[in-house]
C-alpha atoms as a PDB file:
ATOM      1  CA  UNK A   1      40.021 -54.850-136.402  1.00  0.00           C
ATOM      2  CA  UNK A   2      38.898 -51.333-135.958  1.00  0.00           C
ATOM      3  CA  UNK A   3      35.382 -52.541-135.975  1.00  0.00           C
ATOM      4  CA  UNK A   4      36.007 -55.192-133.320  1.00  0.00           C
ATOM      5  CA  UNK A   5      37.889 -52.690-131.144  1.00  0.00           C
ATOM      6  CA  UNK A   6      35.018 -50.276-131.454  1.00  0.00           C
ATOM      7  CA  UNK A   7      32.550 -53.063-130.693  1.00  0.00           C
ATOM      8  CA  UNK A   8      34.524 -54.055-127.629  1.00  0.00           C
ATOM      9  CA  UNK A   9      34.585 -50.483-126.330  1.00  0.00           C
ATOM     10  CA  UNK A  10      30.866 -50.123-126.885  1.00  0.00           C
ATOM     11  CA  UNK A  11      30.148 -53.448-125.183  1.00  0.00           C
ATOM     12  CA  UNK A  12      32.423 -52.514-122.236  1.00  0.00           C
ATOM     13  CA  UNK A  13      30.661 -49.177-121.913  1.00  0.00           C
ATOM     14  CA  UNK A  14      27.286 -50.934-121.840  1.00  0.00           C
ATOM     15  CA  UNK A  15      28.480 -53.340-119.199  1.00  0.00           C
ATOM     16  CA  UNK A  16      29.883 -50.545-117.088  1.00  0.00           C
ATOM     17  CA  UNK A  17      26.654 -48.579-117.318  1.00  0.00           C
ATOM     18  CA  UNK A  18      24.682 -51.659-116.269  1.00  0.00           C
ATOM     19  CA  UNK A  19      27.008 -52.072-113.339  1.00  0.00           C
ATOM     20  CA  UNK A  20      26.385 -48.431-112.382  1.00  0.00           C
ATOM     21  CA  UNK A  21      22.625 -48.971-112.326  1.00  0.00           C
ATOM     22  CA  UNK A  22      23.086 -52.061-110.135  1.00  0.00           C
ATOM     23  CA  UNK A  23      25.287 -50.069-107.772  1.00  0.00           C
ATOM     24  CA  UNK A  24      22.789 -47.230-107.827  1.00  0.00           C
ATOM     25  CA  UNK A  25      19.948 -49.620-106.977  1.00  0.00           C
ATOM     26  CA  UNK A  26      22.027 -51.131-104.170  1.00  0.00           C
ATOM     27  CA  UNK A  27      22.800 -47.650-102.870  1.00  0.00           C
ATOM     28  CA  UNK A  28      19.107 -46.701-102.934  1.00  0.00           C
ATOM     29  CA  UNK A  29      18.263 -49.929-101.102  1.00  0.00           C
ATOM     30  CA  UNK A  30      20.904 -49.167 -98.452  1.00  0.00           C
ATOM     31  CA  UNK A  31      19.568 -45.616 -98.018  1.00  0.00           C
ATOM     32  CA  UNK A  32      16.045 -46.981 -97.619  1.00  0.00           C
ATOM     33  CA  UNK A  33      17.244 -49.483 -94.980  1.00  0.00           C
ATOM     34  CA  UNK A  34      19.190 -46.757 -93.212  1.00  0.00           C
ATOM     35  CA  UNK A  35      16.135 -44.467 -93.102  1.00  0.00           C
ATOM     36  CA  UNK A  36      14.070 -47.370 -91.754  1.00  0.00           C
ATOM     37  CA  UNK A  37      16.657 -48.046 -89.022  1.00  0.00           C
ATOM     38  CA  UNK A  38      16.840 -44.349 -88.141  1.00  0.00           C
ATOM     39  CA  UNK A  39      13.044 -44.233 -87.810  1.00  0.00           C
ATOM     40  CA  UNK A  40      13.026 -47.369 -85.630  1.00  0.00           C
ATOM     41  CA  UNK A  41      15.834 -45.921 -83.517  1.00  0.00           C
ATOM     42  CA  UNK A  42      13.961 -42.624 -83.071  1.00  0.00           C
ATOM     43  CA  UNK A  43      10.869 -44.533 -81.905  1.00  0.00           C
ATOM     44  CA  UNK A  44      12.946 -46.581 -79.453  1.00  0.00           C
ATOM     45  CA  UNK A  45      14.665 -43.441 -78.191  1.00  0.00           C
ATOM     46  CA  UNK A  46      11.305 -41.751 -77.646  1.00  0.00           C
ATOM     47  CA  UNK A  47      10.021 -44.838 -75.776  1.00  0.00           C
ATOM     48  CA  UNK A  48      13.166 -44.842 -73.645  1.00  0.00           C
ATOM     49  CA  UNK A  49      12.783 -41.154 -72.782  1.00  0.00           C
ATOM     50  CA  UNK A  50       9.119 -41.606 -71.894  1.00  0.00           C
ATOM     51  CA  UNK A  51      10.021 -44.559 -69.656  1.00  0.00           C
ATOM     52  CA  UNK A  52      12.683 -42.439 -67.951  1.00  0.00           C
ATOM     53  CA  UNK A  53      10.147 -39.654 -67.407  1.00  0.00           C
ATOM     54  CA  UNK A  54       7.644 -42.171 -66.015  1.00  0.00           C
ATOM     55  CA  UNK A  55      10.282 -43.601 -63.666  1.00  0.00           C
ATOM     56  CA  UNK A  56      11.237 -40.117 -62.485  1.00  0.00           C
ATOM     57  CA  UNK A  57       7.610 -39.140 -61.909  1.00  0.00           C
ATOM     58  CA  UNK A  58       7.028 -42.327 -59.898  1.00  0.00           C
ATOM     59  CA  UNK A  59      10.115 -41.664 -57.786  1.00  0.00           C
ATOM     60  CA  UNK A  60       8.993 -38.066 -57.236  1.00  0.00           C
ATOM     61  CA  UNK A  61       5.478 -39.225 -56.364  1.00  0.00           C
ATOM     62  CA  UNK A  62       6.916 -41.543 -53.697  1.00  0.00           C
ATOM     63  CA  UNK A  63       9.096 -38.709 -52.359  1.00  0.00           C
ATOM     64  CA  UNK A  64       6.134 -36.323 -52.388  1.00  0.00           C
ATOM     65  CA  UNK A  65       3.972 -38.845 -50.540  1.00  0.00           C
ATOM     66  CA  UNK A  66       6.748 -39.320 -47.961  1.00  0.00           C
ATOM     67  CA  UNK A  67       7.134 -35.542 -47.611  1.00  0.00           C
ATOM     68  CA  UNK A  68       3.396 -35.000 -47.178  1.00  0.00           C
ATOM     69  CA  UNK A  69       3.188 -37.818 -44.636  1.00  0.00           C
ATOM     70  CA  UNK A  70       6.153 -36.362 -42.760  1.00  0.00           C
ATOM     71  CA  UNK A  71       4.691 -32.853 -42.642  1.00  0.00           C
ATOM     72  CA  UNK A  72       1.221 -33.857 -41.455  1.00  0.00           C
ATOM     73  CA  UNK A  73       0.591 -33.130 -37.804  1.00  0.00           C
ATOM     74  CA  UNK A  74       0.295 -36.064 -35.381  1.00  0.00           C
ATOM     75  CA  UNK A  75      -3.246 -37.196 -34.574  1.00  0.00           C
ATOM     76  CA  UNK A  76      -2.973 -36.493 -30.834  1.00  0.00           C
ATOM     77  CA  UNK A  77      -2.222 -32.811 -31.530  1.00  0.00           C
ATOM     78  CA  UNK A  78      -5.319 -32.277 -33.685  1.00  0.00           C
ATOM     79  CA  UNK A  79      -8.287 -30.537 -32.108  1.00  0.00           C
ATOM     80  CA  UNK A  80      -9.064 -27.412 -30.076  1.00  0.00           C
ATOM     81  CA  UNK A  81      -6.607 -25.785 -27.725  1.00  0.00           C
ATOM     82  CA  UNK A  82      -6.694 -22.743 -25.440  1.00  0.00           C
ATOM     83  CA  UNK A  83      -3.705 -20.576 -26.260  1.00  0.00           C
ATOM     84  CA  UNK A  84      -1.989 -18.094 -23.991  1.00  0.00           C
ATOM     85  CA  UNK A  85       0.635 -15.791 -25.458  1.00  0.00           C
ATOM     86  CA  UNK A  86       2.814 -13.393 -23.470  1.00  0.00           C
ATOM     87  CA  UNK A  87       4.904 -10.724 -25.202  1.00  0.00           C
ATOM     88  CA  UNK A  88       8.567 -11.189 -24.269  1.00  0.00           C
ATOM     89  CA  UNK A  89      10.217  -8.722 -26.652  1.00  0.00           C
ATOM     90  CA  UNK A  90       8.843  -5.977 -28.891  1.00  0.00           C
ATOM     91  CA  UNK A  91       9.889  -3.090 -31.091  1.00  0.00           C
ATOM     92  CA  UNK A  92       6.303  -2.632 -32.342  1.00  0.00           C
ATOM     93  CA  UNK A  93       4.063   0.130 -30.965  1.00  0.00           C
ATOM     94  CA  UNK A  94       0.996  -2.153 -30.714  1.00  0.00           C
ATOM     95  CA  UNK A  95       2.745  -4.724 -28.447  1.00  0.00           C
ATOM     96  CA  UNK A  96       4.311  -4.115 -25.046  1.00  0.00           C
ATOM     97  CA  UNK A  97       6.430  -6.567 -23.092  1.00  0.00           C
ATOM     98  CA  UNK A  98       4.115  -8.423 -20.706  1.00  0.00           C
ATOM     99  CA  UNK A  99       1.013  -8.133 -22.928  1.00  0.00           C
ATOM    100  CA  UNK A 100      -1.112 -11.274 -22.752  1.00  0.00           C
ATOM    101  CA  UNK A 101      -3.449 -12.739 -25.343  1.00  0.00           C
ATOM    102  CA  UNK A 102      -5.825 -15.646 -24.924  1.00  0.00           C
ATOM    103  CA  UNK A 103      -6.982 -17.306 -28.135  1.00  0.00           C
ATOM    104  CA  UNK A 104      -8.611 -20.506 -29.315  1.00  0.00           C
ATOM    105  CA  UNK A 105      -6.468 -22.657 -31.592  1.00  0.00           C
ATOM    106  CA  UNK A 106      -8.010 -25.170 -33.968  1.00  0.00           C
ATOM    107  CA  UNK A 107      -5.319 -27.537 -35.219  1.00  0.00           C
ATOM    108  CA  UNK A 108      -6.092 -29.700 -38.245  1.00  0.00           C
ATOM    109  CA  UNK A 109      -3.852 -31.961 -40.342  1.00  0.00           C
ATOM    110  CA  UNK A 110      -2.053 -29.210 -42.281  1.00  0.00           C
ATOM    111  CA  UNK A 111      -3.241 -25.878 -40.936  1.00  0.00           C
ATOM    112  CA  UNK A 112      -3.916 -24.022 -37.740  1.00  0.00           C
ATOM    113  CA  UNK A 113      -6.671 -21.452 -37.221  1.00  0.00           C
ATOM    114  CA  UNK A 114      -6.254 -19.012 -34.345  1.00  0.00           C
ATOM    115  CA  UNK A 115      -9.452 -17.248 -33.248  1.00  0.00           C
ATOM    116  CA  UNK A 116      -9.062 -14.274 -30.925  1.00  0.00           C
ATOM    117  CA  UNK A 117     -11.694 -12.973 -28.470  1.00  0.00           C
ATOM    118  CA  UNK A 118     -13.199 -10.597 -31.039  1.00  0.00           C
ATOM    119  CA  UNK A 119     -13.823 -13.546 -33.392  1.00  0.00           C
ATOM    120  CA  UNK A 120     -11.137 -12.630 -35.891  1.00  0.00           C
ATOM    121  CA  UNK A 121      -9.417 -15.659 -37.474  1.00  0.00           C
ATOM    122  CA  UNK A 122      -5.795 -16.047 -38.538  1.00  0.00           C
ATOM    123  CA  UNK A 123      -4.894 -19.053 -40.673  1.00  0.00           C
ATOM    124  CA  UNK A 124      -1.445 -20.652 -40.623  1.00  0.00           C
ATOM    125  CA  UNK A 125       0.102 -23.405 -42.691  1.00  0.00           C
ATOM    126  CA  UNK A 126       1.679 -26.020 -40.458  1.00  0.00           C
ATOM    127  CA  UNK A 127       4.534 -28.466 -40.958  1.00  0.00           C
ATOM    128  CA  UNK A 128       5.644 -31.086 -38.495  1.00  0.00           C
ATOM    129  CA  UNK A 129       9.409 -31.726 -38.402  1.00  0.00           C
ATOM    130  CA  UNK A 130       9.484 -34.472 -35.782  1.00  0.00           C
ATOM    131  CA  UNK A 131      10.116 -32.363 -32.691  1.00  0.00           C
ATOM    132  CA  UNK A 132       8.597 -29.050 -33.783  1.00  0.00           C
ATOM    133  CA  UNK A 133       5.544 -27.673 -35.505  1.00  0.00           C
ATOM    134  CA  UNK A 134       6.471 -24.726 -37.708  1.00  0.00           C
ATOM    135  CA  UNK A 135       3.618 -22.436 -38.711  1.00  0.00           C
ATOM    136  CA  UNK A 136       3.584 -19.493 -41.103  1.00  0.00           C
ATOM    137  CA  UNK A 137       0.731 -17.058 -41.547  1.00  0.00           C
ATOM    138  CA  UNK A 138      -0.997 -16.949 -44.886  1.00  0.00           C
ATOM    139  CA  UNK A 139      -0.962 -13.523 -46.516  1.00  0.00           C
ATOM    140  CA  UNK A 140      -4.266 -11.760 -46.133  1.00  0.00           C
ATOM    141  CA  UNK A 141      -5.458  -8.227 -46.689  1.00  0.00           C
ATOM    142  CA  UNK A 142      -6.667  -7.636 -43.119  1.00  0.00           C
ATOM    143  CA  UNK A 143      -3.249  -8.170 -41.542  1.00  0.00           C
ATOM    144  CA  UNK A 144      -0.144  -7.230 -43.530  1.00  0.00           C
ATOM    145  CA  UNK A 145       2.099  -8.511 -40.701  1.00  0.00           C
ATOM    146  CA  UNK A 146       3.867 -11.843 -41.118  1.00  0.00           C
ATOM    147  CA  UNK A 147       3.719 -14.235 -38.216  1.00  0.00           C
ATOM    148  CA  UNK A 148       5.807 -17.364 -37.638  1.00  0.00           C
ATOM    149  CA  UNK A 149       5.102 -19.724 -34.776  1.00  0.00           C
ATOM    150  CA  UNK A 150       7.290 -22.598 -33.612  1.00  0.00           C
ATOM    151  CA  UNK A 151       5.919 -25.079 -31.114  1.00  0.00           C
ATOM    152  CA  UNK A 152       8.165 -27.617 -29.414  1.00  0.00           C
ATOM    153  CA  UNK A 153       6.431 -30.982 -29.359  1.00  0.00           C
ATOM    154  CA  UNK A 154       7.498 -33.147 -26.429  1.00  0.00           C
ATOM    155  CA  UNK A 155       8.343 -36.803 -27.093  1.00  0.00           C
ATOM    156  CA  UNK A 156       5.266 -37.759 -25.107  1.00  0.00           C
ATOM    157  CA  UNK A 157       2.492 -35.381 -26.056  1.00  0.00           C
ATOM    158  CA  UNK A 158       0.525 -34.283 -23.026  1.00  0.00           C
ATOM    159  CA  UNK A 159      -2.262 -31.746 -22.726  1.00  0.00           C
ATOM    160  CA  UNK A 160       0.263 -28.863 -22.883  1.00  0.00           C
ATOM    161  CA  UNK A 161       2.540 -27.635 -25.672  1.00  0.00           C
ATOM    162  CA  UNK A 162       4.951 -24.690 -25.460  1.00  0.00           C
ATOM    163  CA  UNK A 163       6.592 -22.580 -28.119  1.00  0.00           C
ATOM    164  CA  UNK A 164       7.414 -19.163 -29.534  1.00  0.00           C
ATOM    165  CA  UNK A 165       5.728 -16.734 -31.872  1.00  0.00           C
ATOM    166  CA  UNK A 166       7.459 -14.032 -33.880  1.00  0.00           C
ATOM    167  CA  UNK A 167       5.325 -11.313 -35.418  1.00  0.00           C
ATOM    168  CA  UNK A 168       7.085  -9.216 -38.060  1.00  0.00           C
ATOM    169  CA  UNK A 169       5.519  -5.860 -38.921  1.00  0.00           C
ATOM    170  CA  UNK A 170       6.575  -3.199 -41.388  1.00  0.00           C
ATOM    171  CA  UNK A 171       9.596  -2.009 -39.392  1.00  0.00           C
ATOM    172  CA  UNK A 172       9.297  -3.966 -36.154  1.00  0.00           C
ATOM    173  CA  UNK A 173       9.341  -7.400 -34.533  1.00  0.00           C
ATOM    174  CA  UNK A 174       7.398  -8.731 -31.554  1.00  0.00           C
ATOM    175  CA  UNK A 175       8.163 -12.025 -29.835  1.00  0.00           C
ATOM    176  CA  UNK A 176       5.792 -14.026 -27.671  1.00  0.00           C
ATOM    177  CA  UNK A 177       6.026 -17.131 -25.550  1.00  0.00           C
ATOM    178  CA  UNK A 178       3.167 -19.511 -26.366  1.00  0.00           C
ATOM    179  CA  UNK A 179       1.516 -22.122 -24.173  1.00  0.00           C
ATOM    180  CA  UNK A 180      -1.330 -24.304 -25.396  1.00  0.00           C
ATOM    181  CA  UNK A 181      -3.667 -26.362 -23.245  1.00  0.00           C
ATOM    182  CA  UNK A 182      -5.893 -29.016 -24.815  1.00  0.00           C
ATOM    183  CA  UNK A 183      -9.645 -28.375 -24.508  1.00  0.00           C
ATOM    184  CA  UNK A 184     -11.290 -31.500 -23.150  1.00  0.00           C
ATOM    185  CA  UNK A 185     -14.691 -32.340 -24.584  1.00  0.00           C
END
């Protein structure tokens, strides 16, 4: 009886150890499947994020194209203009109220070049806002002063455009009234 009890315990132990190896194999199989699913999920997540980035870049490209189209100057403004500026207000020593300047303005799609009588050129970036053209001088070493020009564009563009110019120096500001007249070729 002792022998059969011992045999039964040994046989039960063997069966339980076999069951443990089956469970261990099942556990390893589950871990392998879980790792496979995690890898697949990571790939799908990466694809999703790249699609989101692509969508965002396409939306931004459309917005950028709309912005660029909106800021381009109208075709009937492009060309050469005679510009007359009269100083209306000044705290700068080099400008006196009543001073007049006559320049040639070359207006292209996104910039304006102003050429004075001595041949010196000043380049401005230009943005069209629907009723105004806003120009800002590009920084250059020959003129440390910053100049902003705003031109009011009439609903029906004629051969004349009026506006204002503000020239900011180191410690002073000069303001000018601006009138442009289209040069006819």
